[in-house]
PDB file of N, CA and C in Angstrom:
ATOM      1  N   MET A   1     -42.605  15.103 207.750  1.00  0.00           N
ATOM      2  CA  MET A   1     -42.147  14.831 206.413  1.00  0.00           C
ATOM      3  C   MET A   1     -41.279  13.574 206.457  1.00  0.00           C
ATOM      4  N   LYS A   2     -41.453  12.692 205.516  1.00  0.00           N
ATOM      5  CA  LYS A   2     -40.659  11.474 205.452  1.00  0.00           C
ATOM      6  C   LYS A   2     -39.514  11.682 204.475  1.00  0.00           C
ATOM      7  N   VAL A   3     -38.361  11.196 204.856  1.00  0.00           N
ATOM      8  CA  VAL A   3     -37.161  11.331 204.034  1.00  0.00           C
ATOM      9  C   VAL A   3     -36.636   9.946 203.735  1.00  0.00           C
ATOM     10  N   ARG A   4     -36.345   9.682 202.487  1.00  0.00           N
ATOM     11  CA  ARG A   4     -35.804   8.377 202.117  1.00  0.00           C
ATOM     12  C   ARG A   4     -34.316   8.527 201.878  1.00  0.00           C
ATOM     13  N   LEU A   5     -33.544   7.744 202.570  1.00  0.00           N
ATOM     14  CA  LEU A   5     -32.094   7.829 202.484  1.00  0.00           C
ATOM     15  C   LEU A   5     -31.571   6.740 201.555  1.00  0.00           C
ATOM     16  N   ILE A   6     -30.995   7.149 200.439  1.00  0.00           N
ATOM     17  CA  ILE A   6     -30.435   6.174 199.502  1.00  0.00           C
ATOM     18  C   ILE A   6     -29.076   6.669 199.025  1.00  0.00           C
ATOM     19  N   LEU A   7     -28.047   5.889 199.262  1.00  0.00           N
ATOM     20  CA  LEU A   7     -26.703   6.191 198.793  1.00  0.00           C
ATOM     21  C   LEU A   7     -25.962   4.863 198.727  1.00  0.00           C
ATOM     22  N   LYS A   8     -25.862   4.288 197.543  1.00  0.00           N
ATOM     23  CA  LYS A   8     -25.312   2.942 197.436  1.00  0.00           C
ATOM     24  C   LYS A   8     -24.062   2.867 196.566  1.00  0.00           C
ATOM     25  N   GLU A   9     -23.653   3.979 195.961  1.00  0.00           N
ATOM     26  CA  GLU A   9     -22.589   3.928 194.979  1.00  0.00           C
ATOM     27  C   GLU A   9     -21.251   3.483 195.560  1.00  0.00           C
ATOM     28  N   PHE A  10     -20.870   4.024 196.716  1.00  0.00           N
ATOM     29  CA  PHE A  10     -19.559   3.730 197.266  1.00  0.00           C
ATOM     30  C   PHE A  10     -19.597   2.944 198.565  1.00  0.00           C
ATOM     31  N   TYR A  11     -20.695   3.015 199.284  1.00  0.00           N
ATOM     32  CA  TYR A  11     -20.812   2.379 200.589  1.00  0.00           C
ATOM     33  C   TYR A  11     -22.101   1.577 200.666  1.00  0.00           C
ATOM     34  N   ALA A  12     -22.086   0.563 201.491  1.00  0.00           N
ATOM     35  CA  ALA A  12     -23.345  -0.085 201.863  1.00  0.00           C
ATOM     36  C   ALA A  12     -23.971   0.797 202.945  1.00  0.00           C
ATOM     37  N   LEU A  13     -25.276   0.905 202.949  1.00  0.00           N
ATOM     38  CA  LEU A  13     -25.942   1.705 203.969  1.00  0.00           C
ATOM     39  C   LEU A  13     -26.237   0.862 205.191  1.00  0.00           C
ATOM     40  N   HIS A  14     -26.137   1.489 206.342  1.00  0.00           N
ATOM     41  CA  HIS A  14     -26.486   0.811 207.588  1.00  0.00           C
ATOM     42  C   HIS A  14     -27.966   0.457 207.594  1.00  0.00           C
ATOM     43  N   TYR A  15     -28.793   1.320 207.029  1.00  0.00           N
ATOM     44  CA  TYR A  15     -30.223   1.051 206.957  1.00  0.00           C
ATOM     45  C   TYR A  15     -30.819   1.769 205.756  1.00  0.00           C
ATOM     46  N   LEU A  16     -31.847   1.217 205.228  1.00  0.00           N
ATOM     47  CA  LEU A  16     -32.640   1.846 204.168  1.00  0.00           C
ATOM     48  C   LEU A  16     -34.092   1.820 204.637  1.00  0.00           C
ATOM     49  N   HIS A  17     -34.597   2.940 205.017  1.00  0.00           N
ATOM     50  CA  HIS A  17     -35.992   3.008 205.449  1.00  0.00           C
ATOM     51  C   HIS A  17     -36.452   4.451 205.441  1.00  0.00           C
ATOM     52  N   HIS A  18     -37.694   4.637 205.691  1.00  0.00           N
ATOM     53  CA  HIS A  18     -38.239   5.982 205.831  1.00  0.00           C
ATOM     54  C   HIS A  18     -38.129   6.380 207.299  1.00  0.00           C
ATOM     55  N   CYS A  19     -37.749   7.610 207.529  1.00  0.00           N
ATOM     56  CA  CYS A  19     -37.629   8.071 208.906  1.00  0.00           C
ATOM     57  C   CYS A  19     -38.276   9.446 209.034  1.00  0.00           C
ATOM     58  N   GLU A  20     -38.704   9.756 210.213  1.00  0.00           N
ATOM     59  CA  GLU A  20     -39.280  11.066 210.489  1.00  0.00           C
ATOM     60  C   GLU A  20     -38.150  12.031 210.829  1.00  0.00           C
ATOM     61  N   VAL A  21     -38.136  13.182 210.193  1.00  0.00           N
ATOM     62  CA  VAL A  21     -37.124  14.205 210.432  1.00  0.00           C
ATOM     63  C   VAL A  21     -37.843  15.498 210.797  1.00  0.00           C
ATOM     64  N   LEU A  22     -37.419  16.112 211.885  1.00  0.00           N
ATOM     65  CA  LEU A  22     -38.013  17.385 212.286  1.00  0.00           C
ATOM     66  C   LEU A  22     -37.580  18.475 211.316  1.00  0.00           C
ATOM     67  N   ILE A  23     -38.546  19.224 210.802  1.00  0.00           N
ATOM     68  CA  ILE A  23     -38.262  20.345 209.913  1.00  0.00           C
ATOM     69  C   ILE A  23     -38.869  21.586 210.546  1.00  0.00           C
ATOM     70  N   PHE A  24     -38.010  22.577 210.801  1.00  0.00           N
ATOM     71  CA  PHE A  24     -38.442  23.815 211.438  1.00  0.00           C
ATOM     72  C   PHE A  24     -38.511  24.926 210.405  1.00  0.00           C
ATOM     73  N   ASP A  25     -39.422  25.869 210.627  1.00  0.00           N
ATOM     74  CA  ASP A  25     -39.645  26.975 209.703  1.00  0.00           C
ATOM     75  C   ASP A  25     -39.083  28.273 210.284  1.00  0.00           C
ATOM     76  N   ALA A  26     -37.990  28.769 209.681  1.00  0.00           N
ATOM     77  CA  ALA A  26     -37.383  30.024 210.125  1.00  0.00           C
ATOM     78  C   ALA A  26     -37.605  31.131 209.100  1.00  0.00           C
ATOM     79  N   THR A  27     -38.577  30.944 208.214  1.00  0.00           N
ATOM     80  CA  THR A  27     -38.816  31.950 207.175  1.00  0.00           C
ATOM     81  C   THR A  27     -39.442  33.229 207.727  1.00  0.00           C
ATOM     82  N   GLU A  28     -40.121  33.149 208.852  1.00  0.00           N
ATOM     83  CA  GLU A  28     -40.801  34.309 209.430  1.00  0.00           C
ATOM     84  C   GLU A  28     -40.170  34.780 210.733  1.00  0.00           C
ATOM     85  N   LYS A  29     -39.142  34.066 211.209  1.00  0.00           N
ATOM     86  CA  LYS A  29     -38.588  34.389 212.520  1.00  0.00           C
ATOM     87  C   LYS A  29     -37.067  34.299 212.484  1.00  0.00           C
ATOM     88  N   MET A  30     -36.410  35.320 213.005  1.00  0.00           N
ATOM     89  CA  MET A  30     -34.950  35.302 213.104  1.00  0.00           C
ATOM     90  C   MET A  30     -34.558  34.624 214.411  1.00  0.00           C
ATOM     91  N   PHE A  31     -33.386  33.978 214.422  1.00  0.00           N
ATOM     92  CA  PHE A  31     -32.882  33.373 215.639  1.00  0.00           C
ATOM     93  C   PHE A  31     -31.361  33.422 215.623  1.00  0.00           C
ATOM     94  N   ASP A  32     -30.773  33.447 216.807  1.00  0.00           N
ATOM     95  CA  ASP A  32     -29.318  33.446 216.929  1.00  0.00           C
ATOM     96  C   ASP A  32     -28.779  32.070 216.593  1.00  0.00           C
ATOM     97  N   PHE A  33     -27.653  32.067 215.916  1.00  0.00           N
ATOM     98  CA  PHE A  33     -26.997  30.803 215.580  1.00  0.00           C
ATOM     99  C   PHE A  33     -25.981  30.512 216.678  1.00  0.00           C
ATOM    100  N   SER A  34     -26.442  29.824 217.708  1.00  0.00           N
ATOM    101  CA  SER A  34     -25.575  29.477 218.838  1.00  0.00           C
ATOM    102  C   SER A  34     -25.909  28.063 219.300  1.00  0.00           C
ATOM    103  N   ARG A  35     -25.031  27.489 220.078  1.00  0.00           N
ATOM    104  CA  ARG A  35     -25.278  26.131 220.565  1.00  0.00           C
ATOM    105  C   ARG A  35     -26.574  26.059 221.381  1.00  0.00           C
ATOM    106  N   LYS A  36     -26.781  27.046 222.249  1.00  0.00           N
ATOM    107  CA  LYS A  36     -28.001  27.050 223.068  1.00  0.00           C
ATOM    108  C   LYS A  36     -29.247  27.108 222.195  1.00  0.00           C
ATOM    109  N   THR A  37     -29.229  27.988 221.197  1.00  0.00           N
ATOM    110  CA  THR A  37     -30.376  28.117 220.298  1.00  0.00           C
ATOM    111  C   THR A  37     -30.608  26.819 219.539  1.00  0.00           C
ATOM    112  N   LEU A  38     -29.547  26.228 219.023  1.00  0.00           N
ATOM    113  CA  LEU A  38     -29.700  24.991 218.248  1.00  0.00           C
ATOM    114  C   LEU A  38     -30.192  23.845 219.124  1.00  0.00           C
ATOM    115  N   ASP A  39     -29.812  23.859 220.395  1.00  0.00           N
ATOM    116  CA  ASP A  39     -30.304  22.828 221.324  1.00  0.00           C
ATOM    117  C   ASP A  39     -31.789  23.001 221.638  1.00  0.00           C
ATOM    118  N   ASP A  40     -32.315  24.232 221.469  1.00  0.00           N
ATOM    119  CA  ASP A  40     -33.702  24.540 221.828  1.00  0.00           C
ATOM    120  C   ASP A  40     -34.580  24.873 220.631  1.00  0.00           C
ATOM    121  N   LEU A  41     -34.247  24.375 219.453  1.00  0.00           N
ATOM    122  CA  LEU A  41     -35.016  24.731 218.253  1.00  0.00           C
ATOM    123  C   LEU A  41     -36.502  24.440 218.394  1.00  0.00           C
ATOM    124  N   GLU A  42     -36.847  23.361 219.062  1.00  0.00           N
ATOM    125  CA  GLU A  42     -38.267  23.007 219.212  1.00  0.00           C
ATOM    126  C   GLU A  42     -39.041  24.055 220.009  1.00  0.00           C
ATOM    127  N   LYS A  43     -38.359  24.790 220.873  1.00  0.00           N
ATOM    128  CA  LYS A  43     -39.010  25.834 221.666  1.00  0.00           C
ATOM    129  C   LYS A  43     -39.021  27.174 220.936  1.00  0.00           C
ATOM    130  N   ILE A  44     -38.092  27.358 219.995  1.00  0.00           N
ATOM    131  CA  ILE A  44     -37.906  28.665 219.361  1.00  0.00           C
ATOM    132  C   ILE A  44     -38.639  28.780 218.021  1.00  0.00           C
ATOM    133  N   LEU A  45     -38.586  27.736 217.211  1.00  0.00           N
ATOM    134  CA  LEU A  45     -39.150  27.800 215.859  1.00  0.00           C
ATOM    135  C   LEU A  45     -40.354  26.883 215.705  1.00  0.00           C
ATOM    136  N   PRO A  46     -41.327  27.299 214.891  1.00  0.00           N
ATOM    137  CA  PRO A  46     -42.460  26.401 214.613  1.00  0.00           C
ATOM    138  C   PRO A  46     -42.028  25.290 213.663  1.00  0.00           C
ATOM    139  N   LYS A  47     -42.741  24.195 213.713  1.00  0.00           N
ATOM    140  CA  LYS A  47     -42.494  23.115 212.754  1.00  0.00           C
ATOM    141  C   LYS A  47     -43.008  23.532 211.381  1.00  0.00           C
ATOM    142  N   TYR A  48     -42.330  23.070 210.358  1.00  0.00           N
ATOM    143  CA  TYR A  48     -42.737  23.352 208.986  1.00  0.00           C
ATOM    144  C   TYR A  48     -44.074  22.675 208.724  1.00  0.00           C
ATOM    145  N   SER A  49     -45.021  23.413 208.167  1.00  0.00           N
ATOM    146  CA  SER A  49     -46.370  22.869 207.987  1.00  0.00           C
ATOM    147  C   SER A  49     -46.653  22.409 206.561  1.00  0.00           C
ATOM    148  N   GLY A  50     -45.726  22.637 205.644  1.00  0.00           N
ATOM    149  CA  GLY A  50     -45.949  22.240 204.259  1.00  0.00           C
ATOM    150  C   GLY A  50     -45.729  20.758 204.026  1.00  0.00           C
ATOM    151  N   ASP A  51     -46.039  20.333 202.815  1.00  0.00           N
ATOM    152  CA  ASP A  51     -45.845  18.932 202.456  1.00  0.00           C
ATOM    153  C   ASP A  51     -44.424  18.641 201.984  1.00  0.00           C
ATOM    154  N   GLU A  52     -43.848  19.582 201.235  1.00  0.00           N
ATOM    155  CA  GLU A  52     -42.533  19.360 200.661  1.00  0.00           C
ATOM    156  C   GLU A  52     -41.821  20.693 200.503  1.00  0.00           C
ATOM    157  N   ILE A  53     -40.530  20.728 200.789  1.00  0.00           N
ATOM    158  CA  ILE A  53     -39.745  21.943 200.613  1.00  0.00           C
ATOM    159  C   ILE A  53     -39.392  22.064 199.137  1.00  0.00           C
ATOM    160  N   SER A  54     -39.601  23.246 198.579  1.00  0.00           N
ATOM    161  CA  SER A  54     -39.356  23.486 197.157  1.00  0.00           C
ATOM    162  C   SER A  54     -37.871  23.386 196.818  1.00  0.00           C
ATOM    163  N   ALA A  55     -37.580  22.866 195.624  1.00  0.00           N
ATOM    164  CA  ALA A  55     -36.209  22.829 195.127  1.00  0.00           C
ATOM    165  C   ALA A  55     -35.699  24.255 195.041  1.00  0.00           C
ATOM    166  N   GLY A  56     -34.448  24.467 195.406  1.00  0.00           N
ATOM    167  CA  GLY A  56     -33.859  25.797 195.364  1.00  0.00           C
ATOM    168  C   GLY A  56     -34.016  26.569 196.666  1.00  0.00           C
ATOM    169  N   SER A  57     -34.681  25.985 197.648  1.00  0.00           N
ATOM    170  CA  SER A  57     -34.845  26.645 198.943  1.00  0.00           C
ATOM    171  C   SER A  57     -33.535  26.592 199.721  1.00  0.00           C
ATOM    172  N   LEU A  58     -33.367  27.531 200.648  1.00  0.00           N
ATOM    173  CA  LEU A  58     -32.188  27.567 201.501  1.00  0.00           C
ATOM    174  C   LEU A  58     -32.527  26.893 202.821  1.00  0.00           C
ATOM    175  N   VAL A  59     -31.761  25.871 203.170  1.00  0.00           N
ATOM    176  CA  VAL A  59     -31.996  25.137 204.412  1.00  0.00           C
ATOM    177  C   VAL A  59     -30.689  24.957 205.176  1.00  0.00           C
ATOM    178  N   MET A  60     -30.818  24.725 206.461  1.00  0.00           N
ATOM    179  CA  MET A  60     -29.695  24.350 207.307  1.00  0.00           C
ATOM    180  C   MET A  60     -29.981  22.915 207.772  1.00  0.00           C
ATOM    181  N   VAL A  61     -29.001  22.038 207.613  1.00  0.00           N
ATOM    182  CA  VAL A  61     -29.207  20.625 207.909  1.00  0.00           C
ATOM    183  C   VAL A  61     -28.229  20.174 208.988  1.00  0.00           C
ATOM    184  N   ALA A  62     -28.747  19.506 209.997  1.00  0.00           N
ATOM    185  CA  ALA A  62     -27.899  18.910 211.038  1.00  0.00           C
ATOM    186  C   ALA A  62     -27.858  17.411 210.797  1.00  0.00           C
ATOM    187  N   TYR A  63     -26.647  16.892 210.637  1.00  0.00           N
ATOM    188  CA  TYR A  63     -26.496  15.466 210.375  1.00  0.00           C
ATOM    189  C   TYR A  63     -25.187  14.951 210.945  1.00  0.00           C
ATOM    190  N   THR A  64     -25.112  13.672 211.125  1.00  0.00           N
ATOM    191  CA  THR A  64     -23.865  12.999 211.467  1.00  0.00           C
ATOM    192  C   THR A  64     -23.714  11.821 210.516  1.00  0.00           C
ATOM    193  N   VAL A  65     -22.485  11.461 210.256  1.00  0.00           N
ATOM    194  CA  VAL A  65     -22.205  10.308 209.395  1.00  0.00           C
ATOM    195  C   VAL A  65     -21.069   9.524 210.029  1.00  0.00           C
ATOM    196  N   SER A  66     -21.234   8.241 210.094  1.00  0.00           N
ATOM    197  CA  SER A  66     -20.143   7.393 210.557  1.00  0.00           C
ATOM    198  C   SER A  66     -19.996   6.230 209.581  1.00  0.00           C
ATOM    199  N   SER A  67     -18.813   5.678 209.539  1.00  0.00           N
ATOM    200  CA  SER A  67     -18.596   4.505 208.694  1.00  0.00           C
ATOM    201  C   SER A  67     -17.821   3.459 209.483  1.00  0.00           C
ATOM    202  N   TYR A  68     -18.032   2.234 209.104  1.00  0.00           N
ATOM    203  CA  TYR A  68     -17.343   1.143 209.777  1.00  0.00           C
ATOM    204  C   TYR A  68     -17.202  -0.014 208.801  1.00  0.00           C
ATOM    205  N   LEU A  69     -16.293  -0.914 209.131  1.00  0.00           N
ATOM    206  CA  LEU A  69     -16.034  -2.089 208.312  1.00  0.00           C
ATOM    207  C   LEU A  69     -16.717  -3.293 208.946  1.00  0.00           C
ATOM    208  N   LYS A  70     -17.565  -3.973 208.173  1.00  0.00           N
ATOM    209  CA  LYS A  70     -18.275  -5.144 208.689  1.00  0.00           C
ATOM    210  C   LYS A  70     -18.166  -6.261 207.651  1.00  0.00           C
ATOM    211  N   LYS A  71     -17.526  -7.338 208.016  1.00  0.00           N
ATOM    212  CA  LYS A  71     -17.329  -8.487 207.123  1.00  0.00           C
ATOM    213  C   LYS A  71     -16.697  -8.062 205.801  1.00  0.00           C
ATOM    214  N   GLY A  72     -15.719  -7.156 205.882  1.00  0.00           N
ATOM    215  CA  GLY A  72     -15.003  -6.717 204.696  1.00  0.00           C
ATOM    216  C   GLY A  72     -15.722  -5.680 203.848  1.00  0.00           C
ATOM    217  N   VAL A  73     -16.894  -5.239 204.280  1.00  0.00           N
ATOM    218  CA  VAL A  73     -17.663  -4.241 203.520  1.00  0.00           C
ATOM    219  C   VAL A  73     -17.681  -2.935 204.304  1.00  0.00           C
ATOM    220  N   ARG A  74     -17.256  -1.854 203.670  1.00  0.00           N
ATOM    221  CA  ARG A  74     -17.309  -0.533 204.296  1.00  0.00           C
ATOM    222  C   ARG A  74     -18.773  -0.095 204.312  1.00  0.00           C
ATOM    223  N   THR A  75     -19.287   0.236 205.484  1.00  0.00           N
ATOM    224  CA  THR A  75     -20.693   0.602 205.647  1.00  0.00           C
ATOM    225  C   THR A  75     -20.800   2.043 206.111  1.00  0.00           C
ATOM    226  N   LEU A  76     -21.742   2.763 205.532  1.00  0.00           N
ATOM    227  CA  LEU A  76     -21.995   4.158 205.869  1.00  0.00           C
ATOM    228  C   LEU A  76     -23.299   4.261 206.650  1.00  0.00           C
ATOM    229  N   SER A  77     -23.254   4.996 207.746  1.00  0.00           N
ATOM    230  CA  SER A  77     -24.450   5.177 208.571  1.00  0.00           C
ATOM    231  C   SER A  77     -24.778   6.668 208.663  1.00  0.00           C
ATOM    232  N   PRO A  78     -25.674   7.170 207.782  1.00  0.00           N
ATOM    233  CA  PRO A  78     -26.045   8.591 207.840  1.00  0.00           C
ATOM    234  C   PRO A  78     -27.187   8.812 208.830  1.00  0.00           C
ATOM    235  N   ASN A  79     -27.100   9.881 209.566  1.00  0.00           N
ATOM    236  CA  ASN A  79     -28.132  10.210 210.550  1.00  0.00           C
ATOM    237  C   ASN A  79     -28.551  11.658 210.352  1.00  0.00           C
ATOM    238  N   LEU A  80     -29.718  11.863 209.803  1.00  0.00           N
ATOM    239  CA  LEU A  80     -30.259  13.199 209.586  1.00  0.00           C
ATOM    240  C   LEU A  80     -31.020  13.589 210.844  1.00  0.00           C
ATOM    241  N   ASN A  81     -30.565  14.648 211.517  1.00  0.00           N
ATOM    242  CA  ASN A  81     -31.152  15.030 212.801  1.00  0.00           C
ATOM    243  C   ASN A  81     -32.332  15.975 212.650  1.00  0.00           C
ATOM    244  N   TRP A  82     -32.131  17.093 211.962  1.00  0.00           N
ATOM    245  CA  TRP A  82     -33.199  18.058 211.735  1.00  0.00           C
ATOM    246  C   TRP A  82     -32.838  18.964 210.578  1.00  0.00           C
ATOM    247  N   VAL A  83     -33.843  19.705 210.092  1.00  0.00           N
ATOM    248  CA  VAL A  83     -33.678  20.654 208.988  1.00  0.00           C
ATOM    249  C   VAL A  83     -34.360  21.958 209.391  1.00  0.00           C
ATOM    250  N   VAL A  84     -33.726  23.088 209.083  1.00  0.00           N
ATOM    251  CA  VAL A  84     -34.343  24.399 209.294  1.00  0.00           C
ATOM    252  C   VAL A  84     -34.495  25.054 207.929  1.00  0.00           C
ATOM    253  N   LEU A  85     -35.733  25.370 207.572  1.00  0.00           N
ATOM    254  CA  LEU A  85     -36.009  26.092 206.342  1.00  0.00           C
ATOM    255  C   LEU A  85     -35.770  27.566 206.605  1.00  0.00           C
ATOM    256  N   ILE A  86     -34.799  28.157 205.873  1.00  0.00           N
ATOM    257  CA  ILE A  86     -34.450  29.559 206.081  1.00  0.00           C
ATOM    258  C   ILE A  86     -35.166  30.448 205.073  1.00  0.00           C
ATOM    259  N   ARG A  87     -35.171  30.025 203.816  1.00  0.00           N
ATOM    260  CA  ARG A  87     -35.886  30.781 202.778  1.00  0.00           C
ATOM    261  C   ARG A  87     -36.416  29.806 201.734  1.00  0.00           C
ATOM    262  N   GLU A  88     -37.710  29.906 201.473  1.00  0.00           N
ATOM    263  CA  GLU A  88     -38.320  29.005 200.497  1.00  0.00           C
ATOM    264  C   GLU A  88     -38.260  29.629 199.112  1.00  0.00           C
ATOM    265  N   ALA A  89     -37.938  28.795 198.120  1.00  0.00           N
ATOM    266  CA  ALA A  89     -37.831  29.262 196.737  1.00  0.00           C
ATOM    267  C   ALA A  89     -39.205  29.549 196.166  1.00  0.00           C
TER     268      ALA A  89
END
């Protein structure tokens, strides 16, 4: 699934492009919420096979965000790592 990252209101973005994000399907399988499990999601959960996650679905999102000042402009660098679909609407 391709995700487009756009957030320009308060910060300049480090990048604007389409990126591939791993989406795992936990709708049929339970898993422990632990560091070891989260490190091994690719071994534990199947990849989501749909085209798009429905609005109103419950997901868990792993992301990091950093900001820095470059030439007087505050820049935001969002990094979406993976998504786990827990319940589809």
